[in-house]
Amino acid sequence: MEFIKLAFHNLLRHKLRSMLTLVGIAAAVTALFSIISFNRGFERGLAEEIEKTGLHFMVVPAGCPHEVASLVLHGAVTPKYIQAGVMEEMQGIAGLELISPMLITQLPNPARDRLDMVYGLEMAHITAIKTTWTINGAVPAGSDGILLGAEVAAHDNLNPGDQIRYGDRLFTVTGIIRKTGSQDDAFVYMPIQALQEILSEPGRLTAVGVKVAQPEQLEEITADLTGRVPGIQIVTMNDVLRSLGTLANSAKVLSLSIAAIAMLIGAVGVMNSILMAIFERTQEIGMMRAIGANRQDIFRIIIKETVILTVAGGMTGILFSLIGAGAIEGFVRGIMPYVPSGRLIRFEPWLAASCILFSVILGMAAGVYPSYKASKINPIEAIRG
């Protein structure tokens, strides 16, 4: 205990230097914890979003796999459309339990002076393809009813029974979707036939969602469909997982490399700080040796200074990471083509403890040489100066 008190005292003698060293360690741990937590959250969020689709595969226009993944999971607007006749071709394939056409576009909203994101669906299929939705109100039963995402309804202060005009048609809000925490909250949902009529494009489709009766026949069914209909891309949920997993792994390697560099810089900072303290306290250490402190005692004092610095820096780094989680996620969402919705950086006790332990081990490794150097100081020469 006395050694710990002495180590604290020594660190507080040079508050600025100790603080700068602590900040360097904290920055490194912030990077390490944020990157690992984000990667875990990415994988967790991706799995959850795929599970929420309620579909086995989607038929989409051929394109970039990452764009296709965004279309499948988040309903991204795309300038590409499926060729007419695809639905008819699919009707003749055995084993398809659900074939749900989708049309995603933007429509002018003159009353609000903006473009609304509109998702055309077969309303009878809502419960099958949006399994996690809770609707305040009812699913539209006719062609002039619409559903609103939570953000749209809150922003425009709309409730079931209110009306919205698109083109020359007046729609009645029949239900509000409770907040999902995803891009679903920002869409207006209307019957697909009504949306096609507004666009004067009766056969236009962005995608077709498919659920099969027997999942074990999925490969056979998709091969049959690919052979029958040219110019389409069939994307299974596993394909989406692999595509986005590849993207995430590439980013993970780069980000972990940055974290490793940050940790190395932090370790060098610890070594530099402890060495400077030893040089300044050479006579003091010599005096301690002269009055009975052995080399192991000196070594233990210096190592404890290192441990105190790294533990305090590690805990501060975890705190910084949690405080800045929103900003970090916002930055990543701005540069990556797809990021799952919801909070990705979360506090996990075992992960926080692992990052702090890693910083302590690295700091102790950096402190071994300074501790050894301090323990080798000759007391007579040190006292003479």
Protein backbone atom coordinates (compact mmCIF):
# COMPACT_ATOMS: atom_id res chain seq x y z
CA MET A 1 0.00 0.00 0.00
CA GLU A 2 2.85 2.38 0.84
CA PHE A 3 4.34 1.77 -2.60
CA ILE A 4 1.04 2.74 -4.25
CA LYS A 5 0.84 5.96 -2.19
CA LEU A 6 4.41 6.79 -3.16
CA ALA A 7 3.65 6.10 -6.84
CA PHE A 8 0.63 8.43 -6.70
CA HIS A 9 2.73 11.09 -5.03
CA ASN A 10 5.42 10.84 -7.69
CA LEU A 11 2.89 11.17 -10.53
CA LEU A 12 1.26 14.23 -8.94
CA ARG A 13 4.61 15.99 -8.66
CA HIS A 14 4.49 16.58 -12.43
CA LYS A 15 0.77 16.99 -13.05
CA LEU A 16 1.00 18.33 -16.60
CA ARG A 17 3.32 15.60 -17.86
CA SER A 18 1.27 12.89 -16.17
CA MET A 19 -1.92 14.36 -17.58
CA LEU A 20 -0.55 14.48 -21.13
CA THR A 21 0.60 10.86 -20.84
CA LEU A 22 -2.82 9.86 -19.50
CA VAL A 23 -4.56 11.65 -22.39
CA GLY A 24 -2.36 9.80 -24.89
CA ILE A 25 -3.30 6.46 -23.35
CA ALA A 26 -6.97 7.50 -23.22
CA ALA A 27 -6.94 8.40 -26.92
CA ALA A 28 -5.48 5.01 -27.81
CA VAL A 29 -8.02 3.11 -25.69
CA THR A 30 -10.84 5.25 -27.13
CA ALA A 31 -9.83 4.18 -30.62
CA LEU A 32 -9.45 0.52 -29.64
CA PHE A 33 -12.74 0.24 -27.73
CA SER A 34 -14.73 2.23 -30.32
CA ILE A 35 -13.45 0.17 -33.24
CA ILE A 36 -14.04 -3.22 -31.62
CA SER A 37 -17.44 -2.19 -30.24
CA PHE A 38 -18.50 -0.72 -33.60
CA ASN A 39 -17.49 -3.88 -35.45
CA ARG A 40 -19.43 -6.03 -33.00
CA GLY A 41 -22.42 -3.71 -33.28
CA PHE A 42 -22.21 -3.79 -37.08
CA GLU A 43 -22.40 -7.59 -37.15
CA ARG A 44 -25.18 -7.65 -34.55
CA GLY A 45 -27.23 -4.95 -36.30
CA LEU A 46 -26.81 -6.55 -39.71
CA ALA A 47 -28.05 -9.90 -38.42
CA GLU A 48 -31.06 -8.22 -36.80
CA GLU A 49 -32.01 -6.30 -39.95
CA ILE A 50 -31.77 -9.39 -42.12
CA GLU A 51 -33.98 -11.25 -39.66
CA LYS A 52 -36.54 -8.44 -39.81
CA THR A 53 -37.03 -8.68 -43.58
CA GLY A 54 -39.20 -11.80 -43.32
CA LEU A 55 -38.08 -12.80 -46.84
CA HIS A 56 -35.80 -15.48 -48.26
CA PHE A 57 -34.59 -13.54 -51.30
CA MET A 58 -35.29 -10.52 -53.47
CA VAL A 59 -35.32 -10.06 -57.22
CA VAL A 60 -33.71 -6.71 -58.04
CA PRO A 61 -32.14 -4.95 -61.04
CA ALA A 62 -28.54 -6.03 -61.63
CA GLY A 63 -26.08 -3.67 -59.96
CA CYS A 64 -23.41 -3.07 -57.31
CA PRO A 65 -23.79 -5.59 -54.46
CA HIS A 66 -23.54 -2.85 -51.81
CA GLU A 67 -26.27 -0.80 -53.53
CA VAL A 68 -28.39 -3.93 -53.76
CA ALA A 69 -27.85 -4.57 -50.03
CA SER A 70 -28.99 -1.04 -49.19
CA LEU A 71 -32.05 -1.53 -51.39
CA VAL A 72 -32.89 -4.85 -49.75
CA LEU A 73 -32.43 -3.67 -46.17
CA HIS A 74 -33.20 0.04 -46.20
CA GLY A 75 -35.37 0.69 -49.23
CA ALA A 76 -32.88 2.95 -51.01
CA VAL A 77 -34.14 4.85 -54.05
CA THR A 78 -32.57 3.54 -57.26
CA PRO A 79 -32.85 4.69 -60.87
CA LYS A 80 -33.01 1.07 -62.02
CA TYR A 81 -36.25 -0.85 -62.44
CA ILE A 82 -37.14 -4.47 -63.07
CA GLN A 83 -38.25 -5.33 -66.57
CA ALA A 84 -41.95 -5.75 -67.20
CA GLY A 85 -43.14 -9.34 -67.15
CA VAL A 86 -40.94 -10.54 -64.27
CA MET A 87 -43.94 -11.00 -62.00
CA GLU A 88 -45.70 -13.11 -64.63
CA GLU A 89 -42.62 -15.29 -65.07
CA MET A 90 -42.36 -15.81 -61.32
CA GLN A 91 -45.97 -16.90 -61.01
CA GLY A 92 -45.13 -20.07 -62.93
CA ILE A 93 -42.36 -21.21 -60.58
CA ALA A 94 -43.34 -23.84 -58.03
CA GLY A 95 -42.41 -23.49 -54.37
CA LEU A 96 -42.93 -19.72 -53.98
CA GLU A 97 -45.08 -18.98 -50.95
CA LEU A 98 -45.09 -15.18 -51.27
CA ILE A 99 -44.30 -12.88 -54.22
CA SER A 100 -44.46 -9.25 -53.13
CA PRO A 101 -43.79 -6.42 -55.63
CA MET A 102 -42.14 -3.22 -54.36
CA LEU A 103 -41.72 0.25 -55.83
CA ILE A 104 -39.59 2.89 -54.13
CA THR A 105 -39.50 6.45 -55.39
CA GLN A 106 -39.89 10.13 -54.45
CA LEU A 107 -43.09 12.12 -54.89
CA PRO A 108 -43.60 15.90 -54.67
CA ASN A 109 -45.54 17.03 -51.61
CA PRO A 110 -46.77 20.53 -52.59
CA ALA A 111 -48.35 21.20 -49.21
CA ARG A 112 -44.97 20.73 -47.49
CA ASP A 113 -42.84 22.00 -50.39
CA ARG A 114 -40.61 18.91 -50.46
CA LEU A 115 -40.07 15.46 -51.94
CA ASP A 116 -41.37 12.54 -49.88
CA MET A 117 -39.81 9.09 -49.88
CA VAL A 118 -42.64 6.76 -50.91
CA TYR A 119 -42.64 2.97 -50.67
CA GLY A 120 -45.25 1.13 -52.75
CA LEU A 121 -46.27 -2.28 -51.36
CA GLU A 122 -49.00 -4.85 -51.58
CA MET A 123 -50.72 -3.89 -48.35
CA ALA A 124 -51.95 -7.45 -47.83
CA HIS A 125 -48.30 -8.53 -47.54
CA ILE A 126 -47.32 -6.02 -44.82
CA THR A 127 -47.50 -8.48 -41.94
CA ALA A 128 -45.37 -11.01 -43.86
CA ILE A 129 -42.53 -8.71 -44.93
CA LYS A 130 -42.50 -6.20 -42.05
CA THR A 131 -42.75 -8.62 -39.17
CA THR A 132 -41.52 -6.21 -36.47
CA TRP A 133 -43.86 -3.31 -37.22
CA THR A 134 -46.46 -2.14 -34.72
CA ILE A 135 -49.11 0.06 -36.33
CA ASN A 136 -51.24 2.60 -34.52
CA GLY A 137 -54.36 2.40 -36.64
CA ALA A 138 -54.90 -0.04 -39.48
CA VAL A 139 -53.30 -1.26 -42.69
CA PRO A 140 -55.03 0.42 -45.69
CA ALA A 141 -57.88 -1.68 -47.02
CA GLY A 142 -58.49 0.42 -50.13
CA SER A 143 -56.39 2.12 -52.79
CA ASP A 144 -56.64 5.59 -51.19
CA GLY A 145 -55.17 4.74 -47.77
CA ILE A 146 -51.55 5.18 -46.68
CA LEU A 147 -49.28 4.39 -43.75
CA LEU A 148 -46.76 6.87 -42.35
CA GLY A 149 -43.40 6.21 -40.74
CA ALA A 150 -42.97 7.59 -37.22
CA GLU A 151 -40.63 10.42 -38.28
CA VAL A 152 -42.88 11.60 -41.09
CA ALA A 153 -45.95 11.62 -38.85
CA ALA A 154 -44.15 13.42 -36.00
CA HIS A 155 -42.55 16.01 -38.29
CA ASP A 156 -45.85 16.87 -40.01
CA ASN A 157 -47.99 16.36 -36.88
CA LEU A 158 -50.24 13.90 -38.71
CA ASN A 159 -52.59 11.33 -37.18
CA PRO A 160 -54.85 8.58 -38.50
CA GLY A 161 -57.70 10.18 -40.43
CA ASP A 162 -55.63 13.10 -41.78
CA GLN A 163 -55.18 13.49 -45.52
CA ILE A 164 -52.23 14.03 -47.87
CA ARG A 165 -52.33 14.87 -51.58
CA TYR A 166 -49.95 13.35 -54.12
CA GLY A 167 -50.54 14.38 -57.72
CA ASP A 168 -54.28 14.58 -58.30
CA ARG A 169 -55.11 11.97 -55.63
CA LEU A 170 -56.05 12.52 -52.01
CA PHE A 171 -54.92 9.83 -49.56
CA THR A 172 -56.16 9.20 -46.04
CA VAL A 173 -53.72 8.21 -43.30
CA THR A 174 -55.05 4.92 -41.90
CA GLY A 175 -52.15 4.13 -39.58
CA ILE A 176 -48.85 5.34 -38.07
CA ILE A 177 -45.95 2.91 -37.73
CA ARG A 178 -44.38 3.06 -34.30
CA LYS A 179 -40.74 4.12 -34.24
CA THR A 180 -38.45 1.35 -35.49
CA GLY A 181 -35.10 3.17 -35.28
CA SER A 182 -34.48 2.44 -38.97
CA GLN A 183 -35.10 4.16 -42.31
CA ASP A 184 -38.62 2.73 -42.23
CA ASP A 185 -39.48 5.70 -40.01
CA ALA A 186 -38.84 8.16 -42.86
CA PHE A 187 -41.09 6.58 -45.54
CA VAL A 188 -44.66 7.02 -46.67
CA TYR A 189 -46.23 3.65 -47.54
CA MET A 190 -49.01 3.38 -50.11
CA PRO A 191 -50.61 0.62 -52.20
CA ILE A 192 -48.27 -0.16 -55.07
CA GLN A 193 -51.01 0.08 -57.71
CA ALA A 194 -51.83 3.62 -56.57
CA LEU A 195 -48.17 4.65 -56.76
CA GLN A 196 -47.81 3.16 -60.25
CA GLU A 197 -50.88 5.10 -61.37
CA ILE A 198 -49.47 8.38 -60.02
CA LEU A 199 -46.25 7.73 -61.96
CA SER A 200 -48.22 6.59 -65.05
CA GLU A 201 -46.08 3.44 -65.00
CA PRO A 202 -48.43 0.46 -64.44
CA GLY A 203 -45.70 -2.19 -64.54
CA ARG A 204 -42.84 -0.38 -62.84
CA LEU A 205 -41.14 -2.27 -59.99
CA THR A 206 -38.00 -1.63 -57.95
CA ALA A 207 -37.82 -5.12 -56.47
CA VAL A 208 -39.80 -8.27 -55.76
CA GLY A 209 -39.60 -9.85 -52.33
CA VAL A 210 -39.95 -13.63 -52.25
CA LYS A 211 -40.61 -16.13 -49.50
CA VAL A 212 -40.36 -19.83 -50.35
CA ALA A 213 -42.47 -22.63 -48.92
CA GLN A 214 -39.48 -24.90 -48.27
CA PRO A 215 -36.18 -23.07 -47.53
CA GLU A 216 -34.14 -26.19 -48.34
CA GLN A 217 -35.20 -25.75 -51.99
CA LEU A 218 -33.94 -22.16 -52.14
CA GLU A 219 -30.92 -22.88 -54.34
CA GLU A 220 -32.96 -24.87 -56.84
CA ILE A 221 -35.68 -22.19 -57.02
CA THR A 222 -33.25 -19.29 -57.53
CA ALA A 223 -31.40 -21.22 -60.25
CA ASP A 224 -34.71 -21.87 -62.03
CA LEU A 225 -35.69 -18.19 -61.83
CA THR A 226 -32.29 -16.98 -63.05
CA GLY A 227 -32.55 -19.25 -66.07
CA ARG A 228 -36.02 -18.01 -66.98
CA VAL A 229 -35.63 -14.25 -66.54
CA PRO A 230 -32.58 -12.39 -67.93
CA GLY A 231 -31.39 -8.99 -66.67
CA ILE A 232 -32.20 -9.54 -63.00
CA GLN A 233 -30.16 -10.16 -59.88
CA ILE A 234 -31.33 -12.55 -57.19
CA VAL A 235 -30.12 -11.61 -53.75
CA THR A 236 -30.61 -13.99 -50.86
CA MET A 237 -30.28 -12.75 -47.29
CA ASN A 238 -27.06 -14.78 -46.99
CA ASP A 239 -25.71 -12.96 -50.07
CA VAL A 240 -26.43 -9.65 -48.36
CA LEU A 241 -24.70 -10.87 -45.22
CA ARG A 242 -21.61 -11.97 -47.16
CA SER A 243 -21.47 -8.79 -49.26
CA LEU A 244 -21.69 -6.45 -46.32
CA GLY A 245 -19.49 -8.73 -44.24
CA THR A 246 -16.74 -8.33 -46.85
CA LEU A 247 -17.14 -4.56 -46.70
CA ALA A 248 -17.04 -4.61 -42.90
CA ASN A 249 -13.96 -6.86 -42.80
CA SER A 250 -12.02 -4.52 -45.09
CA ALA A 251 -12.88 -1.59 -42.87
CA LYS A 252 -12.10 -3.67 -39.76
CA VAL A 253 -8.52 -4.43 -40.87
CA LEU A 254 -7.82 -0.75 -41.59
CA SER A 255 -9.43 0.46 -38.36
CA LEU A 256 -7.65 -2.10 -36.17
CA SER A 257 -4.36 -1.09 -37.77
CA ILE A 258 -5.05 2.51 -36.78
CA ALA A 259 -5.90 1.39 -33.24
CA ALA A 260 -2.66 -0.62 -33.04
CA ILE A 261 -0.63 2.44 -34.09
CA ALA A 262 -2.46 4.54 -31.50
CA MET A 263 -1.70 2.00 -28.78
CA LEU A 264 1.97 1.90 -29.80
CA ILE A 265 2.18 5.70 -29.62
CA GLY A 266 0.55 5.55 -26.18
CA ALA A 267 3.11 2.99 -25.00
CA VAL A 268 5.99 5.15 -26.24
CA GLY A 269 4.45 8.09 -24.38
CA VAL A 270 4.37 6.07 -21.15
CA MET A 271 8.01 5.02 -21.57
CA ASN A 272 9.08 8.60 -22.28
CA SER A 273 7.20 9.99 -19.29
CA ILE A 274 8.59 7.41 -16.83
CA LEU A 275 12.15 7.79 -18.15
CA MET A 276 12.01 11.57 -17.73
CA ALA A 277 10.74 11.12 -14.18
CA ILE A 278 13.61 8.74 -13.41
CA PHE A 279 16.24 11.14 -14.77
CA GLU A 280 14.80 13.94 -12.63
CA ARG A 281 14.69 11.74 -9.50
CA THR A 282 18.08 10.08 -9.79
CA GLN A 283 19.36 11.54 -6.50
CA GLU A 284 16.07 10.77 -4.75
CA ILE A 285 16.20 7.15 -5.91
CA GLY A 286 19.84 6.95 -4.81
CA MET A 287 18.87 8.23 -1.37
CA MET A 288 16.11 5.57 -1.14
CA ARG A 289 18.69 2.92 -1.98
CA ALA A 290 21.07 4.34 0.62
CA ILE A 291 18.51 4.11 3.45
CA GLY A 292 17.56 0.52 2.71
CA ALA A 293 15.35 0.25 -0.39
CA ASN A 294 16.49 -2.63 -2.58
CA ARG A 295 16.32 -2.90 -6.36
CA GLN A 296 13.03 -4.81 -6.26
CA ASP A 297 11.45 -1.98 -4.23
CA ILE A 298 12.51 0.63 -6.79
CA PHE A 299 11.32 -1.59 -9.64
CA ARG A 300 7.93 -2.07 -7.95
CA ILE A 301 7.44 1.68 -7.38
CA ILE A 302 8.12 2.55 -11.01
CA ILE A 303 5.93 -0.29 -12.33
CA LYS A 304 3.09 0.85 -10.06
CA GLU A 305 3.36 4.37 -11.51
CA THR A 306 2.97 2.82 -14.96
CA VAL A 307 -0.04 0.74 -13.89
CA ILE A 308 -1.77 3.74 -12.31
CA LEU A 309 -1.26 5.78 -15.49
CA THR A 310 -2.52 3.05 -17.81
CA VAL A 311 -5.56 2.12 -15.69
CA ALA A 312 -6.60 5.76 -15.34
CA GLY A 313 -5.97 6.36 -19.04
CA GLY A 314 -7.88 3.21 -20.01
CA MET A 315 -10.93 4.12 -17.92
CA THR A 316 -10.88 7.65 -19.31
CA GLY A 317 -10.65 6.25 -22.84
CA ILE A 318 -13.74 4.07 -22.31
CA LEU A 319 -15.62 7.10 -20.98
CA PHE A 320 -14.53 9.21 -23.99
CA SER A 321 -15.68 6.46 -26.34
CA LEU A 322 -19.15 6.24 -24.81
CA ILE A 323 -19.57 10.03 -24.71
CA GLY A 324 -18.48 10.39 -28.35
CA ALA A 325 -20.28 7.28 -29.66
CA GLY A 326 -22.90 9.31 -31.52
CA ALA A 327 -20.31 11.46 -33.29
CA ILE A 328 -18.18 8.41 -34.19
CA GLU A 329 -21.16 6.53 -35.62
CA GLY A 330 -22.32 9.62 -37.52
CA PHE A 331 -18.89 9.98 -39.12
CA VAL A 332 -18.76 6.31 -40.15
CA ARG A 333 -22.31 6.42 -41.56
CA GLY A 334 -21.24 9.34 -43.72
CA ILE A 335 -18.38 7.45 -45.39
CA MET A 336 -19.63 3.83 -45.56
CA PRO A 337 -22.25 2.84 -48.15
CA TYR A 338 -24.21 0.84 -45.60
CA VAL A 339 -24.36 0.81 -41.81
CA PRO A 340 -27.10 -0.93 -39.81
CA SER A 341 -29.54 1.32 -37.98
CA GLY A 342 -29.60 1.75 -34.22
CA ARG A 343 -26.87 2.22 -31.62
CA LEU A 344 -23.74 0.26 -32.56
CA ILE A 345 -21.18 1.36 -29.97
CA ARG A 346 -22.38 0.00 -26.64
CA PHE A 347 -20.86 -0.48 -23.21
CA GLU A 348 -19.98 -4.13 -22.68
CA PRO A 349 -18.22 -4.75 -19.36
CA TRP A 350 -16.03 -7.58 -20.62
CA LEU A 351 -14.93 -5.53 -23.65
CA ALA A 352 -14.16 -2.46 -21.54
CA ALA A 353 -12.20 -4.59 -19.06
CA SER A 354 -10.30 -6.27 -21.92
CA CYS A 355 -9.29 -2.92 -23.44
CA ILE A 356 -8.13 -1.59 -20.07
CA LEU A 357 -6.23 -4.82 -19.37
CA PHE A 358 -4.57 -4.62 -22.79
CA SER A 359 -3.50 -1.02 -22.14
CA VAL A 360 -2.08 -2.03 -18.73
CA ILE A 361 -0.12 -4.93 -20.22
CA LEU A 362 1.22 -2.73 -23.00
CA GLY A 363 2.03 0.04 -20.51
CA MET A 364 3.81 -2.39 -18.19
CA ALA A 365 5.84 -3.69 -21.13
CA ALA A 366 6.79 -0.10 -21.91
CA GLY A 367 7.63 0.50 -18.24
CA VAL A 368 9.94 -2.49 -17.81
CA TYR A 369 13.02 -0.73 -19.21
CA PRO A 370 12.56 2.47 -17.19
CA SER A 371 11.91 0.39 -14.04
CA TYR A 372 15.00 -1.73 -14.67
CA LYS A 373 17.10 1.38 -15.32
CA ALA A 374 15.87 2.96 -12.06
CA SER A 375 16.63 -0.20 -10.08
CA LYS A 376 20.23 -0.22 -11.40
CA ILE A 377 21.02 3.30 -10.13
CA ASN A 378 24.11 3.25 -7.95
CA PRO A 379 23.21 5.00 -4.66
CA ILE A 380 26.67 6.49 -4.04
CA GLU A 381 26.98 7.95 -7.54
CA ALA A 382 23.40 9.21 -7.46
CA ILE A 383 23.90 11.06 -4.17
CA ARG A 384 27.12 12.64 -5.43
CA GLY A 385 25.23 13.84 -8.53
